[in-house]
């Protein structure tokens, strides 16, 4: 009877130690899962930002191919004007 109690007590201790180890491991795994989910969220946001940026670049490329862009550059950087246009420039107020 005494031997049976010791055996049961030993088995109970081993089972409790194993359960504690599993509980700790489970908590660590849950923390890693949460970190992974946060990383996925961050990467998804970065992907959306990069897609929007790519779209802006594509639109800018299309605009730069247009006659409107060429005309604007000619006016702003080269000072060219169309026939019949009058250019007004600000002075320093002197």
N, C-alpha and C. Protein backbone atom coordinates (compact mmCIF):
# COMPACT_ATOMS: atom_id res chain seq x y z
N UNK A 1 0.82 -1.20 0.00
CA UNK A 1 0.00 0.00 0.00
C UNK A 1 0.87 1.26 0.00
N UNK A 2 1.92 1.24 0.84
CA UNK A 2 2.81 2.38 0.92
C UNK A 2 3.54 2.59 -0.42
N UNK A 3 3.98 1.50 -1.01
CA UNK A 3 4.67 1.56 -2.30
C UNK A 3 3.72 2.11 -3.37
N UNK A 4 2.47 1.74 -3.32
CA UNK A 4 1.47 2.19 -4.28
C UNK A 4 1.26 3.70 -4.16
N UNK A 5 1.27 4.22 -2.95
CA UNK A 5 1.09 5.67 -2.75
C UNK A 5 2.30 6.44 -3.27
N UNK A 6 3.47 5.92 -3.02
CA UNK A 6 4.69 6.57 -3.52
C UNK A 6 4.70 6.58 -5.05
N UNK A 7 4.32 5.49 -5.61
CA UNK A 7 4.27 5.41 -7.08
C UNK A 7 3.26 6.42 -7.62
N UNK A 8 2.10 6.49 -7.03
CA UNK A 8 1.07 7.44 -7.47
C UNK A 8 1.55 8.88 -7.27
N UNK A 9 2.22 9.13 -6.14
CA UNK A 9 2.74 10.47 -5.89
C UNK A 9 3.82 10.83 -6.92
N UNK A 10 4.68 9.88 -7.22
CA UNK A 10 5.72 10.10 -8.24
C UNK A 10 5.13 10.38 -9.60
N UNK A 11 4.14 9.60 -9.99
CA UNK A 11 3.47 9.80 -11.28
C UNK A 11 2.78 11.15 -11.32
N UNK A 12 2.14 11.52 -10.21
CA UNK A 12 1.46 12.82 -10.13
C UNK A 12 2.45 13.96 -10.30
N UNK A 13 3.61 13.87 -9.65
CA UNK A 13 4.63 14.91 -9.76
C UNK A 13 5.13 15.01 -11.19
N UNK A 14 5.40 13.87 -11.81
CA UNK A 14 5.88 13.87 -13.20
C UNK A 14 4.83 14.49 -14.12
N UNK A 15 3.59 14.12 -13.95
CA UNK A 15 2.51 14.67 -14.78
C UNK A 15 2.40 16.18 -14.58
N UNK A 16 2.49 16.64 -13.33
CA UNK A 16 2.40 18.08 -13.06
C UNK A 16 3.57 18.83 -13.69
N UNK A 17 4.78 18.26 -13.62
CA UNK A 17 5.95 18.90 -14.23
C UNK A 17 5.78 18.97 -15.75
N UNK A 18 5.31 17.90 -16.34
CA UNK A 18 5.07 17.89 -17.79
C UNK A 18 3.99 18.90 -18.18
N UNK A 19 2.94 19.00 -17.39
CA UNK A 19 1.88 19.98 -17.68
C UNK A 19 2.42 21.40 -17.57
N UNK A 20 3.26 21.66 -16.57
CA UNK A 20 3.84 22.99 -16.42
C UNK A 20 4.73 23.31 -17.62
N UNK A 21 5.52 22.33 -18.05
CA UNK A 21 6.40 22.53 -19.21
C UNK A 21 5.57 22.82 -20.45
N UNK A 22 4.50 22.09 -20.65
CA UNK A 22 3.63 22.31 -21.81
C UNK A 22 2.96 23.68 -21.74
N UNK A 23 2.58 24.09 -20.56
CA UNK A 23 1.95 25.41 -20.40
C UNK A 23 2.93 26.52 -20.77
N UNK A 24 4.16 26.41 -20.30
CA UNK A 24 5.18 27.42 -20.62
C UNK A 24 5.46 27.43 -22.11
N UNK A 25 5.60 26.24 -22.69
CA UNK A 25 5.86 26.15 -24.14
C UNK A 25 4.70 26.74 -24.94
N UNK A 26 3.48 26.46 -24.48
CA UNK A 26 2.31 27.01 -25.17
C UNK A 26 2.28 28.53 -25.13
N UNK A 27 2.66 29.10 -24.01
CA UNK A 27 2.68 30.56 -23.90
C UNK A 27 3.74 31.15 -24.82
N UNK A 28 4.88 30.51 -24.89
CA UNK A 28 5.94 30.98 -25.80
C UNK A 28 5.48 30.92 -27.25
N UNK A 29 4.83 29.82 -27.60
CA UNK A 29 4.34 29.69 -28.97
C UNK A 29 3.28 30.74 -29.28
N UNK A 30 2.40 31.02 -28.33
CA UNK A 30 1.39 32.06 -28.54
C UNK A 30 2.04 33.42 -28.75
N UNK A 31 3.10 33.70 -27.99
CA UNK A 31 3.81 34.97 -28.15
C UNK A 31 4.43 35.05 -29.54
N UNK A 32 5.00 33.95 -30.01
CA UNK A 32 5.60 33.94 -31.35
C UNK A 32 4.53 34.11 -32.43
N UNK A 33 3.39 33.49 -32.22
CA UNK A 33 2.28 33.63 -33.18
C UNK A 33 1.83 35.08 -33.25
N UNK A 34 1.70 35.73 -32.10
CA UNK A 34 1.30 37.14 -32.08
C UNK A 34 2.34 38.01 -32.78
N UNK A 35 3.62 37.74 -32.55
CA UNK A 35 4.67 38.49 -33.23
C UNK A 35 4.57 38.30 -34.74
N UNK A 36 4.32 37.07 -35.16
CA UNK A 36 4.18 36.78 -36.58
C UNK A 36 2.99 37.51 -37.19
N UNK A 37 1.89 37.53 -36.47
CA UNK A 37 0.70 38.23 -36.98
C UNK A 37 0.94 39.73 -37.08
N UNK A 38 1.66 40.29 -36.10
CA UNK A 38 1.99 41.71 -36.16
C UNK A 38 2.89 41.99 -37.35
N UNK A 39 3.85 41.11 -37.58
CA UNK A 39 4.76 41.29 -38.72
C UNK A 39 4.00 41.21 -40.04
N UNK A 40 3.06 40.29 -40.12
CA UNK A 40 2.24 40.17 -41.33
C UNK A 40 1.45 41.46 -41.56
N UNK A 41 0.89 42.01 -40.49
CA UNK A 41 0.13 43.26 -40.60
C UNK A 41 1.04 44.39 -41.09
N UNK A 42 2.24 44.49 -40.51
CA UNK A 42 3.18 45.54 -40.93
C UNK A 42 3.54 45.38 -42.41
N UNK A 43 3.84 44.15 -42.81
CA UNK A 43 4.22 43.91 -44.20
C UNK A 43 3.06 44.18 -45.15
N UNK A 44 1.85 43.87 -44.73
CA UNK A 44 0.68 44.14 -45.56
C UNK A 44 0.52 45.65 -45.76
N UNK A 45 0.72 46.42 -44.68
CA UNK A 45 0.64 47.88 -44.79
C UNK A 45 1.74 48.42 -45.69
N UNK A 46 2.95 47.89 -45.54
CA UNK A 46 4.06 48.33 -46.39
C UNK A 46 3.78 48.02 -47.85
N UNK A 47 3.21 46.84 -48.10
CA UNK A 47 2.87 46.46 -49.47
C UNK A 47 1.85 47.43 -50.06
N UNK A 48 0.84 47.78 -49.28
CA UNK A 48 -0.18 48.72 -49.76
C UNK A 48 0.44 50.08 -50.06
N UNK A 49 1.36 50.54 -49.18
CA UNK A 49 2.03 51.82 -49.40
C UNK A 49 2.87 51.78 -50.67
N UNK A 50 3.59 50.69 -50.88
CA UNK A 50 4.43 50.57 -52.06
C UNK A 50 3.59 50.48 -53.33
N UNK A 51 2.45 49.82 -53.25
CA UNK A 51 1.56 49.75 -54.42
C UNK A 51 1.03 51.14 -54.76
N UNK A 52 0.67 51.91 -53.74
CA UNK A 52 0.19 53.28 -53.97
C UNK A 52 1.31 54.13 -54.57
N UNK A 53 2.51 53.96 -54.05
CA UNK A 53 3.66 54.70 -54.58
C UNK A 53 3.93 54.32 -56.03
N UNK A 54 3.84 53.04 -56.33
CA UNK A 54 4.03 52.58 -57.70
C UNK A 54 2.99 53.20 -58.62
N UNK A 55 1.76 53.27 -58.15
CA UNK A 55 0.68 53.87 -58.94
C UNK A 55 0.98 55.35 -59.20
N UNK A 56 1.45 56.06 -58.17
CA UNK A 56 1.79 57.47 -58.35
C UNK A 56 2.91 57.64 -59.38
N UNK A 57 3.91 56.77 -59.31
CA UNK A 57 5.03 56.85 -60.26
C UNK A 57 4.54 56.57 -61.67
N UNK A 58 3.66 55.59 -61.82
CA UNK A 58 3.11 55.27 -63.14
C UNK A 58 2.33 56.45 -63.69
N UNK A 59 1.53 57.08 -62.84
CA UNK A 59 0.76 58.25 -63.28
C UNK A 59 1.69 59.40 -63.66
N UNK A 60 2.76 59.58 -62.89
CA UNK A 60 3.73 60.63 -63.20
C UNK A 60 4.42 60.35 -64.53
N UNK A 61 4.75 59.09 -64.77
CA UNK A 61 5.38 58.73 -66.04
C UNK A 61 4.45 59.05 -67.21
N UNK A 62 3.18 58.73 -67.05
CA UNK A 62 2.22 59.03 -68.11
C UNK A 62 2.10 60.54 -68.32
N UNK A 63 2.06 61.29 -67.22
CA UNK A 63 1.97 62.75 -67.32
C UNK A 63 3.20 63.31 -68.02
N UNK A 64 4.37 62.75 -67.72
CA UNK A 64 5.60 63.26 -68.30
C UNK A 64 5.68 63.00 -69.81
N UNK A 65 4.89 62.06 -70.30
CA UNK A 65 4.85 61.78 -71.74
C UNK A 65 3.89 62.73 -72.47
N UNK A 66 3.11 63.49 -71.72
CA UNK A 66 2.07 64.32 -72.33
C UNK A 66 2.64 65.65 -72.84
N UNK A 67 1.89 66.24 -73.76
CA UNK A 67 2.24 67.56 -74.28
C UNK A 67 2.10 68.62 -73.19
N UNK A 68 1.16 68.43 -72.30
CA UNK A 68 0.95 69.38 -71.22
C UNK A 68 2.21 69.51 -70.35
N UNK A 69 2.84 68.38 -70.07
CA UNK A 69 4.06 68.40 -69.25
C UNK A 69 5.19 69.11 -70.01
N UNK A 70 5.34 68.79 -71.28
CA UNK A 70 6.39 69.43 -72.08
C UNK A 70 6.19 70.94 -72.12
N UNK A 71 4.94 71.36 -72.26
CA UNK A 71 4.63 72.78 -72.28
C UNK A 71 4.96 73.43 -70.93
N UNK A 72 4.62 72.77 -69.85
CA UNK A 72 4.88 73.31 -68.53
C UNK A 72 6.38 73.45 -68.28
N UNK A 73 7.15 72.44 -68.68
CA UNK A 73 8.61 72.51 -68.51
C UNK A 73 9.17 73.64 -69.35
N UNK A 74 8.68 73.78 -70.56
CA UNK A 74 9.16 74.85 -71.44
C UNK A 74 8.89 76.22 -70.82
N UNK A 75 7.75 76.38 -70.19
CA UNK A 75 7.42 77.65 -69.56
C UNK A 75 8.25 77.88 -68.30
N UNK A 76 8.29 76.88 -67.43
CA UNK A 76 8.93 77.05 -66.13
C UNK A 76 10.45 77.11 -66.22
N UNK A 77 11.03 76.22 -66.95
CA UNK A 77 12.49 76.12 -66.94
C UNK A 77 13.18 76.90 -68.06
N UNK A 78 12.51 76.99 -69.17
CA UNK A 78 13.13 77.66 -70.31
C UNK A 78 12.59 79.06 -70.55
N UNK A 79 11.49 79.40 -69.89
CA UNK A 79 10.92 80.73 -70.04
C UNK A 79 10.21 80.95 -71.37
N UNK A 80 9.88 79.88 -72.06
CA UNK A 80 9.21 80.00 -73.35
C UNK A 80 7.72 80.29 -73.15
N UNK A 81 7.13 80.97 -74.13
CA UNK A 81 5.70 81.27 -74.09
C UNK A 81 5.12 80.99 -75.47
N UNK A 82 3.82 80.80 -75.51
CA UNK A 82 3.13 80.60 -76.78
C UNK A 82 2.94 81.95 -77.46
N UNK A 83 2.70 81.90 -78.74
CA UNK A 83 2.41 83.13 -79.46
C UNK A 83 1.17 83.78 -78.88
N UNK A 84 1.25 85.06 -78.61
CA UNK A 84 0.11 85.81 -78.10
C UNK A 84 -0.01 85.79 -76.58
N UNK A 85 0.81 85.01 -75.88
CA UNK A 85 0.76 85.01 -74.43
C UNK A 85 1.55 86.17 -73.87
N UNK A 86 1.08 86.70 -72.77
CA UNK A 86 1.77 87.80 -72.11
C UNK A 86 2.23 87.28 -70.75
N UNK A 87 3.48 87.53 -70.43
CA UNK A 87 4.05 87.05 -69.17
C UNK A 87 4.10 88.21 -68.19
N UNK A 88 3.55 88.00 -67.01
CA UNK A 88 3.63 89.00 -65.93
C UNK A 88 4.57 88.46 -64.89
N UNK A 89 5.50 89.29 -64.45
CA UNK A 89 6.45 88.87 -63.43
C UNK A 89 6.38 89.85 -62.26
N UNK A 90 6.52 89.30 -61.06
CA UNK A 90 6.52 90.14 -59.87
C UNK A 90 7.88 90.81 -59.71
N UNK A 91 7.83 92.04 -59.18
CA UNK A 91 9.09 92.71 -58.87
C UNK A 91 9.22 92.78 -57.37
N UNK A 92 10.38 93.23 -56.90
CA UNK A 92 10.65 93.29 -55.47
C UNK A 92 9.92 94.44 -54.80
N UNK A 93 9.22 95.25 -55.51
CA UNK A 93 8.46 96.35 -54.94
C UNK A 93 9.24 97.65 -54.89
N UNK A 94 10.32 97.73 -55.59
CA UNK A 94 11.12 98.96 -55.58
C UNK A 94 10.67 99.91 -56.64
